[in-house]
Amino acid sequence: RMQMLSKAAKLSKTYTNHCIGAVSIATLNSIAGIGTKLGS
């Protein structure tokens, strides 16, 4: 689904579902410094 949305929104790259969770982890890390405990 994220690949489909990437194309529909004409993003510069075609992203995968995994990227959404990765952004969430990075956001948590930037706020509380806990993202490294959850994943890369």
Full PDB file with SEQRES, HELIX, SHEET, SSBOND, CRYST1, ORIGX, SCALE, CONECT and MASTER records, all heavy atoms in Angstrom:
SEQRES   1 A   40  ARG MET GLN MET LEU SER LYS ALA ALA LYS LEU SER LYS          
SEQRES   2 A   40  THR TYR THR ASN HIS CYS ILE GLY ALA VAL SER ILE ALA          
SEQRES   3 A   40  THR LEU ASN SER ILE ALA GLY ILE GLY THR LYS LEU GLY          
SEQRES   4 A   40  SER                                                          
HELIX    1 AA1 MET A    2  ALA A    8  1                                   7    
HELIX    2 AA2 ASN A   17  ALA A   32  1                                  16    
HELIX    3 AA3 GLY A   35  LEU A   38  1                                   4    
CRYST1    1.000    1.000    1.000  90.00  90.00  90.00 P 1           1          
ORIGX1      1.000000  0.000000  0.000000        0.00000                         
ORIGX2      0.000000  1.000000  0.000000        0.00000                         
ORIGX3      0.000000  0.000000  1.000000        0.00000                         
SCALE1      1.000000  0.000000  0.000000        0.00000                         
SCALE2      0.000000  1.000000  0.000000        0.00000                         
SCALE3      0.000000  0.000000  1.000000        0.00000                         
ATOM      1  N   ARG A   1       0.818  -1.229   0.000  1.00  0.00           N  
ATOM      2  CA  ARG A   1       0.000   0.000   0.000  1.00  0.00           C  
ATOM      3  C   ARG A   1       0.845   1.269   0.000  1.00  0.00           C  
ATOM      4  O   ARG A   1       0.501   2.265  -0.635  1.00  0.00           O  
ATOM      5  CB  ARG A   1      -0.964   0.000   1.181  1.00  0.00           C  
ATOM      6  CG  ARG A   1      -2.095   1.008   0.994  1.00  0.00           C  
ATOM      7  CD  ARG A   1      -3.307   0.655   1.822  1.00  0.00           C  
ATOM      8  NE  ARG A   1      -4.465   1.408   1.356  1.00  0.00           N  
ATOM      9  CZ  ARG A   1      -5.256   1.022   0.356  1.00  0.00           C  
ATOM     10  NH1 ARG A   1      -5.019  -0.103  -0.257  1.00  0.00           N  
ATOM     11  NH2 ARG A   1      -6.279   1.764  -0.017  1.00  0.00           N  
ATOM     12  N   MET A   2       1.955   1.280   0.719  1.00  0.00           N  
ATOM     13  CA  MET A   2       2.784   2.483   0.733  1.00  0.00           C  
ATOM     14  C   MET A   2       3.411   2.733  -0.630  1.00  0.00           C  
ATOM     15  O   MET A   2       3.598   3.885  -1.027  1.00  0.00           O  
ATOM     16  CB  MET A   2       3.866   2.381   1.817  1.00  0.00           C  
ATOM     17  CG  MET A   2       4.601   3.709   2.059  1.00  0.00           C  
ATOM     18  SD  MET A   2       3.487   5.023   2.607  1.00  0.00           S  
ATOM     19  CE  MET A   2       4.247   6.451   1.830  1.00  0.00           C  
ATOM     20  N   GLN A   3       3.742   1.676  -1.346  1.00  0.00           N  
ATOM     21  CA  GLN A   3       4.241   1.860  -2.714  1.00  0.00           C  
ATOM     22  C   GLN A   3       3.173   2.525  -3.581  1.00  0.00           C  
ATOM     23  O   GLN A   3       3.463   3.442  -4.358  1.00  0.00           O  
ATOM     24  CB  GLN A   3       4.628   0.507  -3.340  1.00  0.00           C  
ATOM     25  CG  GLN A   3       5.916  -0.086  -2.785  1.00  0.00           C  
ATOM     26  CD  GLN A   3       5.664  -1.102  -1.701  1.00  0.00           C  
ATOM     27  OE1 GLN A   3       4.866  -0.857  -0.794  1.00  0.00           O  
ATOM     28  NE2 GLN A   3       6.328  -2.246  -1.767  1.00  0.00           N  
ATOM     29  N   MET A   4       1.933   2.074  -3.436  1.00  0.00           N  
ATOM     30  CA  MET A   4       0.836   2.646  -4.202  1.00  0.00           C  
ATOM     31  C   MET A   4       0.622   4.118  -3.855  1.00  0.00           C  
ATOM     32  O   MET A   4       0.444   4.966  -4.729  1.00  0.00           O  
ATOM     33  CB  MET A   4      -0.443   1.849  -3.950  1.00  0.00           C  
ATOM     34  CG  MET A   4      -1.676   2.355  -4.696  1.00  0.00           C  
ATOM     35  SD  MET A   4      -2.620   3.606  -3.764  1.00  0.00           S  
ATOM     36  CE  MET A   4      -3.288   2.595  -2.445  1.00  0.00           C  
ATOM     37  N   LEU A   5       0.661   4.428  -2.552  1.00  0.00           N  
ATOM     38  CA  LEU A   5       0.475   5.814  -2.119  1.00  0.00           C  
ATOM     39  C   LEU A   5       1.624   6.699  -2.586  1.00  0.00           C  
ATOM     40  O   LEU A   5       1.415   7.864  -2.928  1.00  0.00           O  
ATOM     41  CB  LEU A   5       0.347   5.869  -0.591  1.00  0.00           C  
ATOM     42  CG  LEU A   5      -0.930   5.270   0.006  1.00  0.00           C  
ATOM     43  CD1 LEU A   5      -0.878   5.333   1.521  1.00  0.00           C  
ATOM     44  CD2 LEU A   5      -2.157   5.989  -0.512  1.00  0.00           C  
ATOM     45  N   SER A   6       2.833   6.158  -2.592  1.00  0.00           N  
ATOM     46  CA  SER A   6       3.993   6.925  -3.059  1.00  0.00           C  
ATOM     47  C   SER A   6       3.799   7.360  -4.508  1.00  0.00           C  
ATOM     48  O   SER A   6       4.075   8.513  -4.877  1.00  0.00           O  
ATOM     49  CB  SER A   6       5.269   6.090  -2.943  1.00  0.00           C  
ATOM     50  OG  SER A   6       5.548   5.750  -1.607  1.00  0.00           O  
ATOM     51  N   LYS A   7       3.315   6.436  -5.332  1.00  0.00           N  
ATOM     52  CA  LYS A   7       3.109   6.751  -6.750  1.00  0.00           C  
ATOM     53  C   LYS A   7       1.937   7.710  -6.935  1.00  0.00           C  
ATOM     54  O   LYS A   7       1.995   8.640  -7.739  1.00  0.00           O  
ATOM     55  CB  LYS A   7       2.880   5.463  -7.539  1.00  0.00           C  
ATOM     56  CG  LYS A   7       4.096   4.550  -7.554  1.00  0.00           C  
ATOM     57  CD  LYS A   7       3.795   3.220  -8.231  1.00  0.00           C  
ATOM     58  CE  LYS A   7       5.012   2.307  -8.207  1.00  0.00           C  
ATOM     59  NZ  LYS A   7       4.708   0.968  -8.803  1.00  0.00           N  
ATOM     60  N   ALA A   8       0.863   7.495  -6.175  1.00  0.00           N  
ATOM     61  CA  ALA A   8      -0.316   8.352  -6.295  1.00  0.00           C  
ATOM     62  C   ALA A   8      -0.010   9.785  -5.871  1.00  0.00           C  
ATOM     63  O   ALA A   8      -0.523  10.744  -6.457  1.00  0.00           O  
ATOM     64  CB  ALA A   8      -1.453   7.789  -5.452  1.00  0.00           C  
ATOM     65  N   ALA A   9       0.845   9.937  -4.855  1.00  0.00           N  
ATOM     66  CA  ALA A   9       1.213  11.267  -4.364  1.00  0.00           C  
ATOM     67  C   ALA A   9       2.402  11.860  -5.108  1.00  0.00           C  
ATOM     68  O   ALA A   9       2.841  12.966  -4.800  1.00  0.00           O  
ATOM     69  CB  ALA A   9       1.531  11.197  -2.872  1.00  0.00           C  
ATOM     70  N   LYS A  10       2.944  11.080  -6.079  1.00  0.00           N  
ATOM     71  CA  LYS A  10       4.090  11.530  -6.884  1.00  0.00           C  
ATOM     72  C   LYS A  10       5.282  11.922  -6.005  1.00  0.00           C  
ATOM     73  O   LYS A  10       5.898  12.967  -6.186  1.00  0.00           O  
ATOM     74  CB  LYS A  10       3.699  12.697  -7.790  1.00  0.00           C  
ATOM     75  CG  LYS A  10       2.659  12.313  -8.841  1.00  0.00           C  
ATOM     76  CD  LYS A  10       2.315  13.505  -9.730  1.00  0.00           C  
ATOM     77  CE  LYS A  10       1.431  13.084 -10.900  1.00  0.00           C  
ATOM     78  NZ  LYS A  10       0.142  12.504 -10.474  1.00  0.00           N  
ATOM     79  N   LEU A  11       5.574  11.069  -5.026  1.00  0.00           N  
ATOM     80  CA  LEU A  11       6.745  11.298  -4.179  1.00  0.00           C  
ATOM     81  C   LEU A  11       8.013  11.069  -4.997  1.00  0.00           C  
ATOM     82  O   LEU A  11       7.988  10.428  -6.043  1.00  0.00           O  
ATOM     83  CB  LEU A  11       6.726  10.362  -2.972  1.00  0.00           C  
ATOM     84  CG  LEU A  11       5.513  10.476  -2.039  1.00  0.00           C  
ATOM     85  CD1 LEU A  11       5.674   9.547  -0.848  1.00  0.00           C  
ATOM     86  CD2 LEU A  11       5.305  11.909  -1.568  1.00  0.00           C  
ATOM     87  N   SER A  12       9.117  11.585  -4.504  1.00  0.00           N  
ATOM     88  CA  SER A  12      10.375  11.467  -5.240  1.00  0.00           C  
ATOM     89  C   SER A  12      10.895  10.037  -5.268  1.00  0.00           C  
ATOM     90  O   SER A  12      11.692   9.682  -6.132  1.00  0.00           O  
ATOM     91  CB  SER A  12      11.436  12.384  -4.617  1.00  0.00           C  
ATOM     92  OG  SER A  12      11.734  11.973  -3.291  1.00  0.00           O  
ATOM     93  N   LYS A  13      10.454   9.222  -4.297  1.00  0.00           N  
ATOM     94  CA  LYS A  13      10.856   7.823  -4.233  1.00  0.00           C  
ATOM     95  C   LYS A  13       9.636   6.969  -3.929  1.00  0.00           C  
ATOM     96  O   LYS A  13       8.610   7.465  -3.458  1.00  0.00           O  
ATOM     97  CB  LYS A  13      11.910   7.600  -3.146  1.00  0.00           C  
ATOM     98  CG  LYS A  13      13.216   8.358  -3.361  1.00  0.00           C  
ATOM     99  CD  LYS A  13      14.175   8.096  -2.211  1.00  0.00           C  
ATOM    100  CE  LYS A  13      15.475   8.881  -2.394  1.00  0.00           C  
ATOM    101  NZ  LYS A  13      16.407   8.652  -1.257  1.00  0.00           N  
ATOM    102  N   THR A  14       9.757   5.689  -4.203  1.00  0.00           N  
ATOM    103  CA  THR A  14       8.695   4.749  -3.868  1.00  0.00           C  
ATOM    104  C   THR A  14       9.054   4.088  -2.546  1.00  0.00           C  
ATOM    105  O   THR A  14      10.019   3.331  -2.463  1.00  0.00           O  
ATOM    106  CB  THR A  14       8.528   3.678  -4.957  1.00  0.00           C  
ATOM    107  OG1 THR A  14       8.195   4.321  -6.191  1.00  0.00           O  
ATOM    108  CG2 THR A  14       7.416   2.709  -4.588  1.00  0.00           C  
ATOM    109  N   TYR A  15       8.287   4.375  -1.509  1.00  0.00           N  
ATOM    110  CA  TYR A  15       8.578   3.877  -0.175  1.00  0.00           C  
ATOM    111  C   TYR A  15       7.778   2.615   0.137  1.00  0.00           C  
ATOM    112  O   TYR A  15       6.745   2.352  -0.477  1.00  0.00           O  
ATOM    113  CB  TYR A  15       8.282   4.959   0.869  1.00  0.00           C  
ATOM    114  CG  TYR A  15       9.200   6.146   0.749  1.00  0.00           C  
ATOM    115  CD1 TYR A  15       8.718   7.369   0.285  1.00  0.00           C  
ATOM    116  CD2 TYR A  15      10.550   6.048   1.071  1.00  0.00           C  
ATOM    117  CE1 TYR A  15       9.565   8.456   0.157  1.00  0.00           C  
ATOM    118  CE2 TYR A  15      11.403   7.127   0.948  1.00  0.00           C  
ATOM    119  CZ  TYR A  15      10.903   8.334   0.487  1.00  0.00           C  
ATOM    120  OH  TYR A  15      11.744   9.409   0.359  1.00  0.00           O  
ATOM    121  N   THR A  16       8.242   1.870   1.107  1.00  0.00           N  
ATOM    122  CA  THR A  16       7.585   0.638   1.528  1.00  0.00           C  
ATOM    123  C   THR A  16       6.859   0.864   2.850  1.00  0.00           C  
ATOM    124  O   THR A  16       7.051   1.880   3.521  1.00  0.00           O  
ATOM    125  CB  THR A  16       8.612  -0.488   1.715  1.00  0.00           C  
ATOM    126  OG1 THR A  16       9.482  -0.141   2.812  1.00  0.00           O  
ATOM    127  CG2 THR A  16       9.432  -0.686   0.447  1.00  0.00           C  
ATOM    128  N   ASN A  17       6.039  -0.107   3.246  1.00  0.00           N  
ATOM    129  CA  ASN A  17       5.357  -0.029   4.536  1.00  0.00           C  
ATOM    130  C   ASN A  17       6.351   0.085   5.689  1.00  0.00           C  
ATOM    131  O   ASN A  17       6.080   0.737   6.698  1.00  0.00           O  
ATOM    132  CB  ASN A  17       4.489  -1.276   4.746  1.00  0.00           C  
ATOM    133  CG  ASN A  17       3.316  -1.344   3.792  1.00  0.00           C  
ATOM    134  OD1 ASN A  17       3.156  -0.490   2.923  1.00  0.00           O  
ATOM    135  ND2 ASN A  17       2.497  -2.372   3.929  1.00  0.00           N  
ATOM    136  N   HIS A  18       7.496  -0.544   5.532  1.00  0.00           N  
ATOM    137  CA  HIS A  18       8.507  -0.510   6.591  1.00  0.00           C  
ATOM    138  C   HIS A  18       8.957   0.914   6.901  1.00  0.00           C  
ATOM    139  O   HIS A  18       9.290   1.229   8.050  1.00  0.00           O  
ATOM    140  CB  HIS A  18       9.702  -1.366   6.189  1.00  0.00           C  
ATOM    141  CG  HIS A  18      10.836  -1.309   7.168  1.00  0.00           C  
ATOM    142  ND1 HIS A  18      10.835  -2.017   8.349  1.00  0.00           N  
ATOM    143  CD2 HIS A  18      12.001  -0.612   7.150  1.00  0.00           C  
ATOM    144  CE1 HIS A  18      11.956  -1.766   9.013  1.00  0.00           C  
ATOM    145  NE2 HIS A  18      12.683  -0.929   8.309  1.00  0.00           N  
ATOM    146  N   CYS A  19       8.975   1.763   5.896  1.00  0.00           N  
ATOM    147  CA  CYS A  19       9.435   3.140   6.099  1.00  0.00           C  
ATOM    148  C   CYS A  19       8.558   3.899   7.093  1.00  0.00           C  
ATOM    149  O   CYS A  19       9.043   4.779   7.800  1.00  0.00           O  
ATOM    150  CB  CYS A  19       9.452   3.894   4.766  1.00  0.00           C  
ATOM    151  SG  CYS A  19      10.791   3.424   3.668  1.00  0.00           S  
ATOM    152  N   ILE A  20       7.265   3.574   7.142  1.00  0.00           N  
ATOM    153  CA  ILE A  20       6.370   4.292   8.053  1.00  0.00           C  
ATOM    154  C   ILE A  20       6.777   4.032   9.495  1.00  0.00           C  
ATOM    155  O   ILE A  20       6.911   4.957  10.303  1.00  0.00           O  
ATOM    156  CB  ILE A  20       4.910   3.866   7.827  1.00  0.00           C  
ATOM    157  CG1 ILE A  20       4.522   4.019   6.358  1.00  0.00           C  
ATOM    158  CG2 ILE A  20       3.974   4.698   8.707  1.00  0.00           C  
ATOM    159  CD1 ILE A  20       3.144   3.464   6.030  1.00  0.00           C  
ATOM    160  N   GLY A  21       6.981   2.762   9.839  1.00  0.00           N  
ATOM    161  CA  GLY A  21       7.419   2.432  11.190  1.00  0.00           C  
ATOM    162  C   GLY A  21       8.795   2.992  11.498  1.00  0.00           C  
ATOM    163  O   GLY A  21       9.079   3.388  12.621  1.00  0.00           O  
ATOM    164  N   ALA A  22       9.658   3.047  10.473  1.00  0.00           N  
ATOM    165  CA  ALA A  22      11.000   3.590  10.678  1.00  0.00           C  
ATOM    166  C   ALA A  22      10.939   5.070  11.029  1.00  0.00           C  
ATOM    167  O   ALA A  22      11.691   5.563  11.878  1.00  0.00           O  
ATOM    168  CB  ALA A  22      11.840   3.382   9.424  1.00  0.00           C  
ATOM    169  N   VAL A  23      10.030   5.806  10.380  1.00  0.00           N  
ATOM    170  CA  VAL A  23       9.842   7.227  10.706  1.00  0.00           C  
ATOM    171  C   VAL A  23       9.316   7.380  12.126  1.00  0.00           C  
ATOM    172  O   VAL A  23       9.730   8.262  12.877  1.00  0.00           O  
ATOM    173  CB  VAL A  23       8.877   7.898   9.703  1.00  0.00           C  
ATOM    174  CG1 VAL A  23       8.482   9.291  10.184  1.00  0.00           C  
ATOM    175  CG2 VAL A  23       9.538   8.001   8.339  1.00  0.00           C  
ATOM    176  N   SER A  24       8.405   6.490  12.511  1.00  0.00           N  
ATOM    177  CA  SER A  24       7.857   6.542  13.864  1.00  0.00           C  
ATOM    178  C   SER A  24       8.953   6.336  14.904  1.00  0.00           C  
ATOM    179  O   SER A  24       9.026   7.044  15.909  1.00  0.00           O  
ATOM    180  CB  SER A  24       6.771   5.476  14.017  1.00  0.00           C  
ATOM    181  OG  SER A  24       6.159   5.554  15.283  1.00  0.00           O  
ATOM    182  N   ILE A  25       9.831   5.361  14.646  1.00  0.00           N  
ATOM    183  CA  ILE A  25      10.943   5.098  15.560  1.00  0.00           C  
ATOM    184  C   ILE A  25      11.884   6.294  15.620  1.00  0.00           C  
ATOM    185  O   ILE A  25      12.345   6.697  16.692  1.00  0.00           O  
ATOM    186  CB  ILE A  25      11.690   3.832  15.122  1.00  0.00           C  
ATOM    187  CG1 ILE A  25      10.797   2.602  15.360  1.00  0.00           C  
ATOM    188  CG2 ILE A  25      13.007   3.673  15.877  1.00  0.00           C  
ATOM    189  CD1 ILE A  25      11.338   1.323  14.759  1.00  0.00           C  
ATOM    190  N   ALA A  26      12.176   6.900  14.459  1.00  0.00           N  
ATOM    191  CA  ALA A  26      13.060   8.060  14.435  1.00  0.00           C  
ATOM    192  C   ALA A  26      12.449   9.236  15.176  1.00  0.00           C  
ATOM    193  O   ALA A  26      13.145   9.996  15.851  1.00  0.00           O  
ATOM    194  CB  ALA A  26      13.361   8.443  12.990  1.00  0.00           C  
ATOM    195  N   THR A  27      11.128   9.399  15.071  1.00  0.00           N  
ATOM    196  CA  THR A  27      10.439  10.481  15.772  1.00  0.00           C  
ATOM    197  C   THR A  27      10.528  10.281  17.274  1.00  0.00           C  
ATOM    198  O   THR A  27      10.820  11.211  18.028  1.00  0.00           O  
ATOM    199  CB  THR A  27       8.968  10.545  15.334  1.00  0.00           C  
ATOM    200  OG1 THR A  27       8.894  10.688  13.919  1.00  0.00           O  
ATOM    201  CG2 THR A  27       8.265  11.731  15.985  1.00  0.00           C  
ATOM    202  N   LEU A  28      10.282   9.053  17.725  1.00  0.00           N  
ATOM    203  CA  LEU A  28      10.401   8.757  19.149  1.00  0.00           C  
ATOM    204  C   LEU A  28      11.821   9.021  19.643  1.00  0.00           C  
ATOM    205  O   LEU A  28      12.023   9.567  20.731  1.00  0.00           O  
ATOM    206  CB  LEU A  28      10.032   7.296  19.407  1.00  0.00           C  
ATOM    207  CG  LEU A  28       8.544   6.943  19.360  1.00  0.00           C  
ATOM    208  CD1 LEU A  28       8.349   5.443  19.332  1.00  0.00           C  
ATOM    209  CD2 LEU A  28       7.823   7.549  20.554  1.00  0.00           C  
ATOM    210  N   ASN A  29      12.785   8.637  18.843  1.00  0.00           N  
ATOM    211  CA  ASN A  29      14.181   8.827  19.217  1.00  0.00           C  
ATOM    212  C   ASN A  29      14.520  10.305  19.349  1.00  0.00           C  
ATOM    213  O   ASN A  29      15.234  10.723  20.260  1.00  0.00           O  
ATOM    214  CB  ASN A  29      15.091   8.166  18.189  1.00  0.00           C  
ATOM    215  CG  ASN A  29      16.551   8.179  18.610  1.00  0.00           C  
ATOM    216  OD1 ASN A  29      16.862   7.864  19.756  1.00  0.00           O  
ATOM    217  ND2 ASN A  29      17.429   8.547  17.706  1.00  0.00           N  
ATOM    218  N   SER A  30      13.983  11.138  18.442  1.00  0.00           N  
ATOM    219  CA  SER A  30      14.281  12.568  18.479  1.00  0.00           C  
ATOM    220  C   SER A  30      13.636  13.242  19.681  1.00  0.00           C  
ATOM    221  O   SER A  30      14.128  14.247  20.183  1.00  0.00           O  
ATOM    222  CB  SER A  30      13.800  13.242  17.187  1.00  0.00           C  
ATOM    223  OG  SER A  30      12.379  13.234  17.115  1.00  0.00           O  
ATOM    224  N   ILE A  31      12.513  12.673  20.163  1.00  0.00           N  
ATOM    225  CA  ILE A  31      11.807  13.266  21.298  1.00  0.00           C  
ATOM    226  C   ILE A  31      12.393  12.809  22.630  1.00  0.00           C  
ATOM    227  O   ILE A  31      12.704  13.607  23.501  1.00  0.00           O  
ATOM    228  CB  ILE A  31      10.308  12.902  21.247  1.00  0.00           C  
ATOM    229  CG1 ILE A  31       9.657  13.535  20.013  1.00  0.00           C  
ATOM    230  CG2 ILE A  31       9.590  13.371  22.515  1.00  0.00           C  
ATOM    231  CD1 ILE A  31       8.255  13.013  19.753  1.00  0.00           C  
ATOM    232  N   ALA A  32      12.536  11.504  22.775  1.00  0.00           N  
ATOM    233  CA  ALA A  32      12.908  10.962  24.079  1.00  0.00           C  
ATOM    234  C   ALA A  32      14.191  10.158  24.085  1.00  0.00           C  
ATOM    235  O   ALA A  32      14.613   9.678  25.129  1.00  0.00           O  
ATOM    236  CB  ALA A  32      11.767  10.088  24.607  1.00  0.00           C  
ATOM    237  N   GLY A  33      14.790   9.995  22.913  1.00  0.00           N  
ATOM    238  CA  GLY A  33      16.026   9.241  22.860  1.00  0.00           C  
ATOM    239  C   GLY A  33      15.845   7.762  23.107  1.00  0.00           C  
ATOM    240  O   GLY A  33      16.757   7.092  23.579  1.00  0.00           O  
ATOM    241  N   ILE A  34      14.635   7.240  22.772  1.00  0.00           N  
ATOM    242  CA  ILE A  34      14.381   5.820  23.042  1.00  0.00           C  
ATOM    243  C   ILE A  34      14.298   5.006  21.772  1.00  0.00           C  
ATOM    244  O   ILE A  34      14.137   3.795  21.828  1.00  0.00           O  
ATOM    245  CB  ILE A  34      13.079   5.624  23.840  1.00  0.00           C  
ATOM    246  CG1 ILE A  34      11.865   6.116  23.021  1.00  0.00           C  
ATOM    247  CG2 ILE A  34      13.158   6.321  25.169  1.00  0.00           C  
ATOM    248  CD1 ILE A  34      10.546   5.793  23.672  1.00  0.00           C  
ATOM    249  N   GLY A  35      14.400   5.644  20.613  1.00  0.00           N  
ATOM    250  CA  GLY A  35      14.230   4.917  19.363  1.00  0.00           C  
ATOM    251  C   GLY A  35      15.241   3.816  19.161  1.00  0.00           C  
ATOM    252  O   GLY A  35      14.942   2.793  18.552  1.00  0.00           O  
ATOM    253  N   THR A  36      16.456   4.017  19.679  1.00  0.00           N  
ATOM    254  CA  THR A  36      17.491   3.002  19.480  1.00  0.00           C  
ATOM    255  C   THR A  36      17.168   1.716  20.213  1.00  0.00           C  
ATOM    256  O   THR A  36      17.706   0.665  19.894  1.00  0.00           O  
ATOM    257  CB  THR A  36      18.847   3.531  19.985  1.00  0.00           C  
ATOM    258  OG1 THR A  36      18.687   4.000  21.331  1.00  0.00           O  
ATOM    259  CG2 THR A  36      19.329   4.680  19.107  1.00  0.00           C  
ATOM    260  N   LYS A  37      16.254   1.784  21.191  1.00  0.00           N  
ATOM    261  CA  LYS A  37      15.849   0.577  21.905  1.00  0.00           C  
ATOM    262  C   LYS A  37      14.804  -0.209  21.104  1.00  0.00           C  
ATOM    263  O   LYS A  37      14.569  -1.365  21.371  1.00  0.00           O  
ATOM    264  CB  LYS A  37      15.261   0.947  23.266  1.00  0.00           C  
ATOM    265  CG  LYS A  37      16.253   1.640  24.200  1.00  0.00           C  
ATOM    266  CD  LYS A  37      15.584   1.999  25.505  1.00  0.00           C  
ATOM    267  CE  LYS A  37      16.539   2.743  26.446  1.00  0.00           C  
ATOM    268  NZ  LYS A  37      15.887   3.118  27.708  1.00  0.00           N  
ATOM    269  N   LEU A  38      14.173   0.463  20.154  1.00  0.00           N  
ATOM    270  CA  LEU A  38      13.093  -0.183  19.407  1.00  0.00           C  
ATOM    271  C   LEU A  38      13.556  -0.742  18.078  1.00  0.00           C  
ATOM    272  O   LEU A  38      12.958  -1.635  17.526  1.00  0.00           O  
ATOM    273  CB  LEU A  38      11.963   0.822  19.159  1.00  0.00           C  
ATOM    274  CG  LEU A  38      11.327   1.434  20.412  1.00  0.00           C  
ATOM    275  CD1 LEU A  38      10.289   2.461  20.022  1.00  0.00           C  
ATOM    276  CD2 LEU A  38      10.687   0.348  21.259  1.00  0.00           C  
ATOM    277  N   GLY A  39      14.623  -0.172  17.522  1.00  0.00           N  
ATOM    278  CA  GLY A  39      15.079  -0.640  16.227  1.00  0.00           C  
ATOM    279  C   GLY A  39      16.000   0.364  15.595  1.00  0.00           C  
ATOM    280  O   GLY A  39      16.368   1.367  16.192  1.00  0.00           O  
ATOM    281  N   SER A  40      16.362   0.119  14.350  1.00  0.00           N  
ATOM    282  CA  SER A  40      17.278   1.013  13.665  1.00  0.00           C  
ATOM    283  C   SER A  40      16.580   2.297  13.273  1.00  0.00           C  
ATOM    284  O   SER A  40      15.365   2.330  13.075  1.00  0.00           O  
ATOM    285  CB  SER A  40      17.823   0.333  12.409  1.00  0.00           C  
ATOM    286  OG  SER A  40      16.754  -0.049  11.571  1.00  0.00           O  
TER     287      SER A  40                                                      
MASTER        0    0    0    3    0    0    0    6  286    1    0    4          
END                                                                             
